[in-house]
PDB file of N, CA and C in Angstrom:
ATOM      1  N   MET A   1     -33.016  10.204  70.866  1.00  0.00           N
ATOM      2  CA  MET A   1     -31.361   9.527  70.561  1.00  0.00           C
ATOM      3  C   MET A   1     -31.534   9.556  69.071  1.00  0.00           C
ATOM      4  N   SER A   2     -30.529   9.829  68.147  1.00  0.00           N
ATOM      5  CA  SER A   2     -30.379  10.974  66.972  1.00  0.00           C
ATOM      6  C   SER A   2     -30.383   9.047  66.193  1.00  0.00           C
ATOM      7  N   ASP A   3     -30.153   9.246  64.593  1.00  0.00           N
ATOM      8  CA  ASP A   3     -29.487   7.823  63.698  1.00  0.00           C
ATOM      9  C   ASP A   3     -28.392   7.800  63.970  1.00  0.00           C
ATOM     10  N   GLN A   4     -27.460   8.957  64.456  1.00  0.00           N
ATOM     11  CA  GLN A   4     -25.974   8.835  64.325  1.00  0.00           C
ATOM     12  C   GLN A   4     -25.532   7.398  66.215  1.00  0.00           C
ATOM     13  N   ASP A   5     -26.548   7.711  67.373  1.00  0.00           N
ATOM     14  CA  ASP A   5     -26.463   7.432  67.782  1.00  0.00           C
ATOM     15  C   ASP A   5     -26.820   5.225  68.149  1.00  0.00           C
ATOM     16  N   VAL A   6     -27.407   5.250  66.140  1.00  0.00           N
ATOM     17  CA  VAL A   6     -27.791   3.771  65.911  1.00  0.00           C
ATOM     18  C   VAL A   6     -26.461   3.214  65.212  1.00  0.00           C
ATOM     19  N   PHE A   7     -25.770   4.644  64.465  1.00  0.00           N
ATOM     20  CA  PHE A   7     -24.906   3.676  63.514  1.00  0.00           C
ATOM     21  C   PHE A   7     -24.060   5.638  63.556  1.00  0.00           C
ATOM     22  N   ASP A   8     -22.564   5.442  63.646  1.00  0.00           N
ATOM     23  CA  ASP A   8     -22.042   6.905  63.403  1.00  0.00           C
ATOM     24  C   ASP A   8     -21.246   6.012  62.313  1.00  0.00           C
ATOM     25  N   ARG A   9     -20.788   6.611  61.020  1.00  0.00           N
ATOM     26  CA  ARG A   9     -19.969   6.098  60.499  1.00  0.00           C
ATOM     27  C   ARG A   9     -18.727   6.807  60.528  1.00  0.00           C
ATOM     28  N   LYS A  10     -18.942   8.107  61.440  1.00  0.00           N
ATOM     29  CA  LYS A  10     -17.650   8.791  61.322  1.00  0.00           C
ATOM     30  C   LYS A  10     -16.856   8.092  61.984  1.00  0.00           C
ATOM     31  N   GLN A  11     -17.590   7.445  64.106  1.00  0.00           N
ATOM     32  CA  GLN A  11     -16.498   7.119  64.349  1.00  0.00           C
ATOM     33  C   GLN A  11     -15.962   5.783  64.226  1.00  0.00           C
ATOM     34  N   LEU A  12     -16.809   4.728  63.067  1.00  0.00           N
ATOM     35  CA  LEU A  12     -16.164   3.696  61.908  1.00  0.00           C
ATOM     36  C   LEU A  12     -15.355   3.920  61.257  1.00  0.00           C
ATOM     37  N   LEU A  13     -15.256   5.254  60.864  1.00  0.00           N
ATOM     38  CA  LEU A  13     -14.029   5.021  60.117  1.00  0.00           C
ATOM     39  C   LEU A  13     -12.780   5.719  61.044  1.00  0.00           C
ATOM     40  N   THR A  14     -12.833   6.716  61.878  1.00  0.00           N
ATOM     41  CA  THR A  14     -11.634   7.383  63.117  1.00  0.00           C
ATOM     42  C   THR A  14     -11.330   5.789  63.446  1.00  0.00           C
ATOM     43  N   MET A  15     -11.588   4.996  63.664  1.00  0.00           N
ATOM     44  CA  MET A  15     -11.287   3.489  64.282  1.00  0.00           C
ATOM     45  C   MET A  15     -10.695   3.021  63.166  1.00  0.00           C
ATOM     46  N   SER A  16     -10.906   3.550  62.389  1.00  0.00           N
ATOM     47  CA  SER A  16     -10.212   2.935  61.217  1.00  0.00           C
ATOM     48  C   SER A  16      -9.442   3.370  60.360  1.00  0.00           C
ATOM     49  N   ALA A  17      -9.008   4.303  60.820  1.00  0.00           N
ATOM     50  CA  ALA A  17      -7.309   5.398  60.327  1.00  0.00           C
ATOM     51  C   ALA A  17      -8.012   5.823  59.253  1.00  0.00           C
ATOM     52  N   ASP A  18      -9.643   5.975  58.288  1.00  0.00           N
ATOM     53  CA  ASP A  18     -10.052   6.392  57.696  1.00  0.00           C
ATOM     54  C   ASP A  18      -9.695   6.008  56.632  1.00  0.00           C
ATOM     55  N   ASP A  19      -9.786   4.292  56.436  1.00  0.00           N
ATOM     56  CA  ASP A  19      -9.804   3.653  55.770  1.00  0.00           C
ATOM     57  C   ASP A  19     -11.132   2.697  55.163  1.00  0.00           C
ATOM     58  N   GLU A  20     -11.108   3.323  54.333  1.00  0.00           N
ATOM     59  CA  GLU A  20     -12.763   3.023  54.300  1.00  0.00           C
ATOM     60  C   GLU A  20     -12.902   1.508  53.843  1.00  0.00           C
ATOM     61  N   GLU A  21     -11.438   0.606  53.303  1.00  0.00           N
ATOM     62  CA  GLU A  21     -11.470  -0.826  53.199  1.00  0.00           C
ATOM     63  C   GLU A  21     -11.207  -1.704  54.603  1.00  0.00           C
ATOM     64  N   LEU A  22     -10.558  -0.954  55.217  1.00  0.00           N
ATOM     65  CA  LEU A  22     -10.529  -1.470  56.573  1.00  0.00           C
ATOM     66  C   LEU A  22     -12.214  -1.179  57.442  1.00  0.00           C
ATOM     67  N   ALA A  23     -12.490  -0.015  56.963  1.00  0.00           N
ATOM     68  CA  ALA A  23     -13.912  -0.154  58.013  1.00  0.00           C
ATOM     69  C   ALA A  23     -14.456  -0.934  56.895  1.00  0.00           C
ATOM     70  N   ALA A  24     -14.660  -1.527  56.396  1.00  0.00           N
ATOM     71  CA  ALA A  24     -15.765  -1.997  55.665  1.00  0.00           C
ATOM     72  C   ALA A  24     -14.983  -3.812  56.465  1.00  0.00           C
ATOM     73  N   GLN A  25     -13.481  -4.099  56.710  1.00  0.00           N
ATOM     74  CA  GLN A  25     -13.439  -5.168  56.918  1.00  0.00           C
ATOM     75  C   GLN A  25     -13.892  -5.501  58.156  1.00  0.00           C
ATOM     76  N   VAL A  26     -13.526  -4.206  59.208  1.00  0.00           N
ATOM     77  CA  VAL A  26     -14.393  -4.366  60.274  1.00  0.00           C
ATOM     78  C   VAL A  26     -15.923  -4.176  60.687  1.00  0.00           C
ATOM     79  N   ALA A  27     -16.404  -3.518  59.762  1.00  0.00           N
ATOM     80  CA  ALA A  27     -17.992  -3.922  59.984  1.00  0.00           C
ATOM     81  C   ALA A  27     -18.201  -5.109  59.772  1.00  0.00           C
ATOM     82  N   GLY A  28     -17.404  -5.641  58.348  1.00  0.00           N
ATOM     83  CA  GLY A  28     -18.077  -7.432  57.963  1.00  0.00           C
ATOM     84  C   GLY A  28     -17.710  -8.311  59.289  1.00  0.00           C
ATOM     85  N   VAL A  29     -16.561  -8.239  60.056  1.00  0.00           N
ATOM     86  CA  VAL A  29     -15.918  -8.993  61.035  1.00  0.00           C
ATOM     87  C   VAL A  29     -16.909  -8.681  62.240  1.00  0.00           C
ATOM     88  N   PHE A  30     -17.680  -7.483  62.194  1.00  0.00           N
ATOM     89  CA  PHE A  30     -18.484  -7.419  63.319  1.00  0.00           C
ATOM     90  C   PHE A  30     -19.689  -7.953  63.150  1.00  0.00           C
ATOM     91  N   LEU A  31     -20.020  -7.762  62.246  1.00  0.00           N
ATOM     92  CA  LEU A  31     -21.074  -8.404  61.866  1.00  0.00           C
ATOM     93  C   LEU A  31     -21.454 -10.436  61.452  1.00  0.00           C
ATOM     94  N   ASP A  32     -20.281 -11.035  61.218  1.00  0.00           N
ATOM     95  CA  ASP A  32     -19.852 -12.016  61.266  1.00  0.00           C
ATOM     96  C   ASP A  32     -20.162 -12.619  62.764  1.00  0.00           C
ATOM     97  N   ASP A  33     -19.055 -11.980  64.100  1.00  0.00           N
ATOM     98  CA  ASP A  33     -19.340 -12.163  64.870  1.00  0.00           C
ATOM     99  C   ASP A  33     -20.412 -11.910  66.033  1.00  0.00           C
ATOM    100  N   ILE A  34     -21.050 -11.087  66.149  1.00  0.00           N
ATOM    101  CA  ILE A  34     -21.845 -10.266  67.020  1.00  0.00           C
ATOM    102  C   ILE A  34     -22.762 -11.504  67.445  1.00  0.00           C
ATOM    103  N   PRO A  35     -23.947 -11.916  66.105  1.00  0.00           N
ATOM    104  CA  PRO A  35     -24.680 -13.142  66.542  1.00  0.00           C
ATOM    105  C   PRO A  35     -23.836 -13.960  67.309  1.00  0.00           C
ATOM    106  N   LYS A  36     -22.979 -14.613  67.211  1.00  0.00           N
ATOM    107  CA  LYS A  36     -22.004 -15.754  68.103  1.00  0.00           C
ATOM    108  C   LYS A  36     -22.123 -15.700  69.194  1.00  0.00           C
ATOM    109  N   GLN A  37     -21.540 -13.943  69.066  1.00  0.00           N
ATOM    110  CA  GLN A  37     -21.763 -13.275  70.869  1.00  0.00           C
ATOM    111  C   GLN A  37     -22.913 -13.153  71.633  1.00  0.00           C
ATOM    112  N   LEU A  38     -23.544 -12.956  71.435  1.00  0.00           N
ATOM    113  CA  LEU A  38     -25.141 -12.724  71.502  1.00  0.00           C
ATOM    114  C   LEU A  38     -25.667 -14.497  72.181  1.00  0.00           C
ATOM    115  N   THR A  39     -25.193 -15.389  71.420  1.00  0.00           N
ATOM    116  CA  THR A  39     -25.419 -16.375  71.526  1.00  0.00           C
ATOM    117  C   THR A  39     -25.138 -17.272  72.640  1.00  0.00           C
ATOM    118  N   ALA A  40     -23.510 -16.746  72.558  1.00  0.00           N
ATOM    119  CA  ALA A  40     -23.333 -17.232  73.669  1.00  0.00           C
ATOM    120  C   ALA A  40     -23.140 -16.048  75.280  1.00  0.00           C
ATOM    121  N   LEU A  41     -24.080 -14.821  74.815  1.00  0.00           N
ATOM    122  CA  LEU A  41     -24.292 -14.161  76.056  1.00  0.00           C
ATOM    123  C   LEU A  41     -25.196 -14.772  77.020  1.00  0.00           C
ATOM    124  N   GLY A  42     -26.496 -15.379  76.165  1.00  0.00           N
ATOM    125  CA  GLY A  42     -27.923 -16.352  76.232  1.00  0.00           C
ATOM    126  C   GLY A  42     -27.448 -17.519  77.078  1.00  0.00           C
ATOM    127  N   GLU A  43     -26.518 -18.081  76.424  1.00  0.00           N
ATOM    128  CA  GLU A  43     -25.867 -19.388  77.213  1.00  0.00           C
ATOM    129  C   GLU A  43     -25.350 -19.101  78.264  1.00  0.00           C
ATOM    130  N   ALA A  44     -24.610 -18.075  78.600  1.00  0.00           N
ATOM    131  CA  ALA A  44     -24.115 -17.657  79.725  1.00  0.00           C
ATOM    132  C   ALA A  44     -24.759 -17.656  81.145  1.00  0.00           C
ATOM    133  N   PHE A  45     -26.209 -16.324  80.144  1.00  0.00           N
ATOM    134  CA  PHE A  45     -27.482 -16.544  81.450  1.00  0.00           C
ATOM    135  C   PHE A  45     -27.883 -17.616  81.661  1.00  0.00           C
ATOM    136  N   ALA A  46     -28.233 -17.974  81.173  1.00  0.00           N
ATOM    137  CA  ALA A  46     -29.018 -19.574  81.060  1.00  0.00           C
ATOM    138  C   ALA A  46     -28.369 -20.846  81.956  1.00  0.00           C
ATOM    139  N   GLN A  47     -26.831 -20.579  81.758  1.00  0.00           N
ATOM    140  CA  GLN A  47     -26.034 -21.451  82.959  1.00  0.00           C
ATOM    141  C   GLN A  47     -25.674 -20.168  84.012  1.00  0.00           C
ATOM    142  N   GLU A  48     -26.694 -19.552  84.526  1.00  0.00           N
ATOM    143  CA  GLU A  48     -25.964 -18.572  85.363  1.00  0.00           C
ATOM    144  C   GLU A  48     -24.458 -18.225  85.422  1.00  0.00           C
ATOM    145  N   ASP A  49     -23.726 -17.982  84.107  1.00  0.00           N
ATOM    146  CA  ASP A  49     -22.180 -17.697  85.103  1.00  0.00           C
ATOM    147  C   ASP A  49     -22.116 -16.675  84.739  1.00  0.00           C
ATOM    148  N   ARG A  50     -22.004 -16.021  85.688  1.00  0.00           N
ATOM    149  CA  ARG A  50     -21.784 -14.497  85.602  1.00  0.00           C
ATOM    150  C   ARG A  50     -19.798 -14.172  84.781  1.00  0.00           C
ATOM    151  N   GLU A  51     -19.116 -14.946  85.260  1.00  0.00           N
ATOM    152  CA  GLU A  51     -17.970 -14.254  84.201  1.00  0.00           C
ATOM    153  C   GLU A  51     -17.752 -14.225  83.165  1.00  0.00           C
ATOM    154  N   VAL A  52     -18.569 -15.288  82.455  1.00  0.00           N
ATOM    155  CA  VAL A  52     -18.918 -15.191  80.850  1.00  0.00           C
ATOM    156  C   VAL A  52     -19.274 -14.796  80.576  1.00  0.00           C
ATOM    157  N   ALA A  53     -20.786 -13.859  81.391  1.00  0.00           N
ATOM    158  CA  ALA A  53     -21.814 -13.209  80.610  1.00  0.00           C
ATOM    159  C   ALA A  53     -21.412 -11.794  80.570  1.00  0.00           C
ATOM    160  N   GLU A  54     -20.096 -11.532  81.901  1.00  0.00           N
ATOM    161  CA  GLU A  54     -19.628  -9.958  81.630  1.00  0.00           C
ATOM    162  C   GLU A  54     -18.891  -9.784  80.860  1.00  0.00           C
ATOM    163  N   ARG A  55     -17.880 -10.688  80.987  1.00  0.00           N
ATOM    164  CA  ARG A  55     -16.704 -10.761  79.601  1.00  0.00           C
ATOM    165  C   ARG A  55     -17.684 -10.970  78.117  1.00  0.00           C
ATOM    166  N   VAL A  56     -18.340 -11.414  77.550  1.00  0.00           N
ATOM    167  CA  VAL A  56     -18.965 -11.306  76.605  1.00  0.00           C
ATOM    168  C   VAL A  56     -19.867 -10.230  76.486  1.00  0.00           C
ATOM    169  N   ALA A  57     -20.692  -9.507  77.342  1.00  0.00           N
ATOM    170  CA  ALA A  57     -21.215  -8.514  77.415  1.00  0.00           C
ATOM    171  C   ALA A  57     -19.883  -7.234  77.248  1.00  0.00           C
ATOM    172  N   HIS A  58     -18.905  -7.367  77.621  1.00  0.00           N
ATOM    173  CA  HIS A  58     -17.616  -6.688  77.874  1.00  0.00           C
ATOM    174  C   HIS A  58     -17.681  -6.627  75.870  1.00  0.00           C
ATOM    175  N   THR A  59     -17.460  -7.282  75.404  1.00  0.00           N
ATOM    176  CA  THR A  59     -16.860  -8.027  74.068  1.00  0.00           C
ATOM    177  C   THR A  59     -17.783  -7.292  72.845  1.00  0.00           C
ATOM    178  N   ILE A  60     -18.947  -7.785  73.383  1.00  0.00           N
ATOM    179  CA  ILE A  60     -20.176  -7.207  72.819  1.00  0.00           C
ATOM    180  C   ILE A  60     -19.871  -5.082  72.902  1.00  0.00           C
ATOM    181  N   LYS A  61     -19.709  -4.671  73.865  1.00  0.00           N
ATOM    182  CA  LYS A  61     -20.101  -3.017  73.899  1.00  0.00           C
ATOM    183  C   LYS A  61     -18.614  -2.548  73.296  1.00  0.00           C
ATOM    184  N   GLY A  62     -17.494  -3.547  73.510  1.00  0.00           N
ATOM    185  CA  GLY A  62     -16.154  -2.911  72.705  1.00  0.00           C
ATOM    186  C   GLY A  62     -16.543  -2.699  71.431  1.00  0.00           C
ATOM    187  N   ALA A  63     -16.373  -3.615  71.065  1.00  0.00           N
ATOM    188  CA  ALA A  63     -17.364  -4.272  69.809  1.00  0.00           C
ATOM    189  C   ALA A  63     -18.079  -3.205  68.816  1.00  0.00           C
ATOM    190  N   SER A  64     -18.970  -2.914  69.695  1.00  0.00           N
ATOM    191  CA  SER A  64     -20.004  -2.137  68.981  1.00  0.00           C
ATOM    192  C   SER A  64     -19.620  -0.690  69.179  1.00  0.00           C
ATOM    193  N   ALA A  65     -19.126   0.049  70.060  1.00  0.00           N
ATOM    194  CA  ALA A  65     -18.195   0.813  70.140  1.00  0.00           C
ATOM    195  C   ALA A  65     -17.538   0.964  68.956  1.00  0.00           C
ATOM    196  N   THR A  66     -16.630   0.127  68.653  1.00  0.00           N
ATOM    197  CA  THR A  66     -15.450   0.508  67.597  1.00  0.00           C
ATOM    198  C   THR A  66     -16.177   0.870  65.970  1.00  0.00           C
ATOM    199  N   VAL A  67     -16.845   0.264  65.834  1.00  0.00           N
ATOM    200  CA  VAL A  67     -18.175   0.352  64.881  1.00  0.00           C
ATOM    201  C   VAL A  67     -19.001   1.656  64.746  1.00  0.00           C
ATOM    202  N   GLY A  68     -19.068   2.414  65.817  1.00  0.00           N
ATOM    203  CA  GLY A  68     -19.924   3.147  66.191  1.00  0.00           C
ATOM    204  C   GLY A  68     -21.573   3.175  66.118  1.00  0.00           C
ATOM    205  N   GLY A  69     -21.849   2.043  67.287  1.00  0.00           N
ATOM    206  CA  GLY A  69     -22.937   1.886  67.057  1.00  0.00           C
ATOM    207  C   GLY A  69     -23.331   2.149  69.041  1.00  0.00           C
ATOM    208  N   GLU A  70     -23.342   3.032  69.461  1.00  0.00           N
ATOM    209  CA  GLU A  70     -23.755   3.821  70.579  1.00  0.00           C
ATOM    210  C   GLU A  70     -25.156   3.404  71.152  1.00  0.00           C
ATOM    211  N   ARG A  71     -25.705   2.772  70.679  1.00  0.00           N
ATOM    212  CA  ARG A  71     -27.154   2.728  71.285  1.00  0.00           C
ATOM    213  C   ARG A  71     -26.537   0.825  72.044  1.00  0.00           C
ATOM    214  N   LEU A  72     -25.786   0.275  70.854  1.00  0.00           N
ATOM    215  CA  LEU A  72     -25.838  -1.104  71.370  1.00  0.00           C
ATOM    216  C   LEU A  72     -24.511  -0.924  72.636  1.00  0.00           C
ATOM    217  N   ARG A  73     -24.083  -0.283  72.233  1.00  0.00           N
ATOM    218  CA  ARG A  73     -22.795  -0.027  73.050  1.00  0.00           C
ATOM    219  C   ARG A  73     -23.501   0.661  74.777  1.00  0.00           C
ATOM    220  N   ALA A  74     -24.349   0.697  74.655  1.00  0.00           N
ATOM    221  CA  ALA A  74     -25.240   1.560  75.290  1.00  0.00           C
ATOM    222  C   ALA A  74     -25.667   0.194  76.676  1.00  0.00           C
ATOM    223  N   ALA A  75     -26.403  -0.468  75.823  1.00  0.00           N
ATOM    224  CA  ALA A  75     -27.205  -1.813  76.124  1.00  0.00           C
ATOM    225  C   ALA A  75     -26.491  -2.690  76.314  1.00  0.00           C
ATOM    226  N   SER A  76     -25.336  -3.172  75.593  1.00  0.00           N
ATOM    227  CA  SER A  76     -23.940  -3.868  76.558  1.00  0.00           C
ATOM    228  C   SER A  76     -23.430  -3.525  77.668  1.00  0.00           C
ATOM    229  N   GLU A  77     -23.223  -2.419  77.948  1.00  0.00           N
ATOM    230  CA  GLU A  77     -23.081  -1.709  78.952  1.00  0.00           C
ATOM    231  C   GLU A  77     -23.694  -1.968  80.606  1.00  0.00           C
ATOM    232  N   VAL A  78     -25.234  -1.713  80.037  1.00  0.00           N
ATOM    233  CA  VAL A  78     -25.678  -2.369  81.313  1.00  0.00           C
ATOM    234  C   VAL A  78     -25.339  -3.645  81.331  1.00  0.00           C
ATOM    235  N   GLY A  79     -25.817  -4.735  80.386  1.00  0.00           N
ATOM    236  CA  GLY A  79     -25.781  -5.966  80.671  1.00  0.00           C
ATOM    237  C   GLY A  79     -24.005  -6.002  81.576  1.00  0.00           C
ATOM    238  N   GLU A  80     -23.510  -5.974  81.089  1.00  0.00           N
ATOM    239  CA  GLU A  80     -21.611  -6.125  81.592  1.00  0.00           C
ATOM    240  C   GLU A  80     -22.265  -6.195  82.761  1.00  0.00           C
ATOM    241  N   ARG A  81     -22.153  -4.406  83.882  1.00  0.00           N
ATOM    242  CA  ARG A  81     -22.268  -3.976  84.751  1.00  0.00           C
ATOM    243  C   ARG A  81     -23.189  -4.786  85.451  1.00  0.00           C
ATOM    244  N   LEU A  82     -24.618  -5.032  85.502  1.00  0.00           N
ATOM    245  CA  LEU A  82     -25.300  -6.487  86.147  1.00  0.00           C
ATOM    246  C   LEU A  82     -24.609  -7.464  85.995  1.00  0.00           C
ATOM    247  N   ALA A  83     -24.388  -7.895  84.952  1.00  0.00           N
ATOM    248  CA  ALA A  83     -23.409  -9.719  85.503  1.00  0.00           C
ATOM    249  C   ALA A  83     -22.500  -9.327  86.153  1.00  0.00           C
ATOM    250  N   ARG A  84     -21.513  -7.909  86.413  1.00  0.00           N
ATOM    251  CA  ARG A  84     -20.452  -8.020  87.415  1.00  0.00           C
ATOM    252  C   ARG A  84     -21.059  -7.929  88.737  1.00  0.00           C
ATOM    253  N   GLU A  85     -22.032  -7.309  88.722  1.00  0.00           N
ATOM    254  CA  GLU A  85     -22.715  -6.882  90.064  1.00  0.00           C
ATOM    255  C   GLU A  85     -23.453  -8.111  90.557  1.00  0.00           C
ATOM    256  N   GLY A  86     -23.574  -9.418  89.981  1.00  0.00           N
ATOM    257  CA  GLY A  86     -24.091 -10.893  90.073  1.00  0.00           C
ATOM    258  C   GLY A  86     -25.452 -10.635  90.603  1.00  0.00           C
ATOM    259  N   LYS A  87     -26.213  -9.550  89.519  1.00  0.00           N
ATOM    260  CA  LYS A  87     -27.606  -9.733  89.161  1.00  0.00           C
ATOM    261  C   LYS A  87     -28.047  -9.927  87.920  1.00  0.00           C
ATOM    262  N   MET A  88     -27.706 -11.576  87.900  1.00  0.00           N
ATOM    263  CA  MET A  88     -28.622 -12.406  86.706  1.00  0.00           C
ATOM    264  C   MET A  88     -29.589 -11.911  86.265  1.00  0.00           C
ATOM    265  N   ALA A  89     -30.369 -12.430  86.946  1.00  0.00           N
ATOM    266  CA  ALA A  89     -31.944 -12.555  86.098  1.00  0.00           C
ATOM    267  C   ALA A  89     -32.015 -10.863  85.943  1.00  0.00           C
ATOM    268  N   GLU A  90     -31.492 -10.160  86.472  1.00  0.00           N
ATOM    269  CA  GLU A  90     -31.948  -8.593  85.677  1.00  0.00           C
ATOM    270  C   GLU A  90     -30.701  -8.541  84.243  1.00  0.00           C
ATOM    271  N   ALA A  91     -29.689  -9.252  84.362  1.00  0.00           N
ATOM    272  CA  ALA A  91     -28.758  -9.245  82.894  1.00  0.00           C
ATOM    273  C   ALA A  91     -29.522  -9.899  81.794  1.00  0.00           C
ATOM    274  N   GLU A  92     -30.394 -10.732  82.292  1.00  0.00           N
ATOM    275  CA  GLU A  92     -30.484 -11.601  81.265  1.00  0.00           C
ATOM    276  C   GLU A  92     -31.959 -10.993  80.556  1.00  0.00           C
ATOM    277  N   ALA A  93     -32.971  -9.676  81.801  1.00  0.00           N
ATOM    278  CA  ALA A  93     -33.465  -9.300  81.960  1.00  0.00           C
ATOM    279  C   ALA A  93     -33.666  -8.371  80.517  1.00  0.00           C
ATOM    280  N   ASN A  94     -32.432  -7.912  80.400  1.00  0.00           N
ATOM    281  CA  ASN A  94     -31.585  -6.656  79.597  1.00  0.00           C
ATOM    282  C   ASN A  94     -31.523  -7.729  77.808  1.00  0.00           C
ATOM    283  N   LEU A  95     -30.865  -8.761  78.037  1.00  0.00           N
ATOM    284  CA  LEU A  95     -30.822  -9.308  76.664  1.00  0.00           C
ATOM    285  C   LEU A  95     -31.419  -8.950  75.296  1.00  0.00           C
ATOM    286  N   PRO A  96     -32.674  -9.101  75.782  1.00  0.00           N
ATOM    287  CA  PRO A  96     -33.581  -8.509  74.364  1.00  0.00           C
ATOM    288  C   PRO A  96     -33.570  -7.096  73.838  1.00  0.00           C
ATOM    289  N   GLU A  97     -33.025  -6.296  75.009  1.00  0.00           N
ATOM    290  CA  GLU A  97     -32.445  -4.952  74.511  1.00  0.00           C
ATOM    291  C   GLU A  97     -31.185  -4.809  73.701  1.00  0.00           C
ATOM    292  N   ILE A  98     -29.942  -6.145  73.824  1.00  0.00           N
ATOM    293  CA  ILE A  98     -28.761  -5.913  73.528  1.00  0.00           C
ATOM    294  C   ILE A  98     -29.060  -6.656  72.414  1.00  0.00           C
ATOM    295  N   LYS A  99     -30.079  -7.208  72.444  1.00  0.00           N
ATOM    296  CA  LYS A  99     -30.380  -8.035  70.684  1.00  0.00           C
ATOM    297  C   LYS A  99     -31.422  -6.749  70.083  1.00  0.00           C
ATOM    298  N   ALA A 100     -32.177  -6.198  70.026  1.00  0.00           N
ATOM    299  CA  ALA A 100     -32.672  -5.493  69.515  1.00  0.00           C
ATOM    300  C   ALA A 100     -31.947  -4.188  68.673  1.00  0.00           C
ATOM    301  N   ARG A 101     -30.969  -3.898  69.959  1.00  0.00           N
ATOM    302  CA  ARG A 101     -29.818  -2.984  69.619  1.00  0.00           C
ATOM    303  C   ARG A 101     -29.127  -3.121  68.476  1.00  0.00           C
ATOM    304  N   TYR A 102     -28.595  -4.502  68.304  1.00  0.00           N
ATOM    305  CA  TYR A 102     -28.022  -5.289  67.478  1.00  0.00           C
ATOM    306  C   TYR A 102     -28.653  -5.664  66.077  1.00  0.00           C
ATOM    307  N   GLU A 103     -29.707  -5.495  65.997  1.00  0.00           N
ATOM    308  CA  GLU A 103     -30.567  -5.461  64.777  1.00  0.00           C
ATOM    309  C   GLU A 103     -31.125  -4.068  64.337  1.00  0.00           C
ATOM    310  N   GLU A 104     -30.751  -3.322  65.136  1.00  0.00           N
ATOM    311  CA  GLU A 104     -31.442  -2.187  65.056  1.00  0.00           C
ATOM    312  C   GLU A 104     -29.586  -1.799  63.706  1.00  0.00           C
ATOM    313  N   LEU A 105     -28.830  -1.727  64.766  1.00  0.00           N
ATOM    314  CA  LEU A 105     -27.009  -1.943  63.946  1.00  0.00           C
ATOM    315  C   LEU A 105     -27.135  -2.354  63.193  1.00  0.00           C
ATOM    316  N   ARG A 106     -27.032  -3.990  62.772  1.00  0.00           N
ATOM    317  CA  ARG A 106     -26.756  -4.697  61.767  1.00  0.00           C
ATOM    318  C   ARG A 106     -27.565  -3.765  60.645  1.00  0.00           C
ATOM    319  N   ALA A 107     -28.771  -3.544  60.398  1.00  0.00           N
ATOM    320  CA  ALA A 107     -30.061  -2.966  59.507  1.00  0.00           C
ATOM    321  C   ALA A 107     -29.348  -1.643  58.964  1.00  0.00           C
ATOM    322  N   ALA A 108     -28.821  -0.809  59.998  1.00  0.00           N
ATOM    323  CA  ALA A 108     -27.487   0.726  59.749  1.00  0.00           C
ATOM    324  C   ALA A 108     -26.852   0.060  58.532  1.00  0.00           C
ATOM    325  N   LEU A 109     -25.892  -0.405  59.474  1.00  0.00           N
ATOM    326  CA  LEU A 109     -24.789  -1.263  58.594  1.00  0.00           C
ATOM    327  C   LEU A 109     -24.868  -1.705  57.023  1.00  0.00           C
ATOM    328  N   GLU A 110     -25.844  -1.943  56.718  1.00  0.00           N
ATOM    329  CA  GLU A 110     -25.975  -2.931  55.882  1.00  0.00           C
ATOM    330  C   GLU A 110     -26.891  -1.785  55.289  1.00  0.00           C
ATOM    331  N   GLN A 111     -27.415  -1.275  55.078  1.00  0.00           N
ATOM    332  CA  GLN A 111     -27.985   0.060  54.405  1.00  0.00           C
ATOM    333  C   GLN A 111     -26.653   0.805  54.374  1.00  0.00           C
ATOM    334  N   ALA A 112     -25.793   1.171  55.409  1.00  0.00           N
ATOM    335  CA  ALA A 112     -24.415   1.918  54.571  1.00  0.00           C
ATOM    336  C   ALA A 112     -23.820   1.066  53.417  1.00  0.00           C
ATOM    337  N   GLY A 113     -24.047  -0.136  53.642  1.00  0.00           N
ATOM    338  CA  GLY A 113     -23.290  -0.931  52.445  1.00  0.00           C
ATOM    339  C   GLY A 113     -21.981  -2.067  52.830  1.00  0.00           C
ATOM    340  N   TYR A 114     -22.324  -1.593  54.099  1.00  0.00           N
ATOM    341  CA  TYR A 114     -21.257  -2.976  54.924  1.00  0.00           C
ATOM    342  C   TYR A 114     -22.356  -3.757  54.837  1.00  0.00           C
ATOM    343  N   THR A 115     -21.407  -5.656  54.505  1.00  0.00           N
ATOM    344  CA  THR A 115     -21.600  -6.634  54.387  1.00  0.00           C
ATOM    345  C   THR A 115     -21.072  -7.251  55.742  1.00  0.00           C
ATOM    346  N   PRO A 116     -21.269  -9.229  55.640  1.00  0.00           N
ATOM    347  CA  PRO A 116     -20.440  -9.698  56.678  1.00  0.00           C
ATOM    348  C   PRO A 116     -19.629 -10.174  55.931  1.00  0.00           C
ATOM    349  N   LEU A 117     -18.597 -11.065  56.820  1.00  0.00           N
ATOM    350  CA  LEU A 117     -17.224 -11.118  55.573  1.00  0.00           C
ATOM    351  C   LEU A 117     -17.353 -12.519  55.229  1.00  0.00           C
ATOM    352  N   ALA A 118     -18.233 -13.062  55.625  1.00  0.00           N
ATOM    353  CA  ALA A 118     -18.588 -14.512  55.342  1.00  0.00           C
ATOM    354  C   ALA A 118     -19.177 -14.224  54.008  1.00  0.00           C
TER     355      ALA A 118
END
């Protein structure tokens, strides 16, 4: 996989109508929100709540696609599918991968100059 799979700036700009200010806001919201979503995903796994786990993984998947984070999108998609199939132990085992891909994307976004809004 390439660095572009970690963070595709062109994708973020495309999703932001080539508006750099909007792209910065989108990236900032992403950086603010995804740690909360990761916590919610871990809690859903701990409670074996398949529906919440599937929904949160879907949210992470969509948000990461919006900011151009293909690796995180792919890892979240796996978690979403496993939760939907009721394979909660396997889905939970995928959580460290999702978190690692988030950290990778977070670092790439920050290196590109994007920061949380808060």
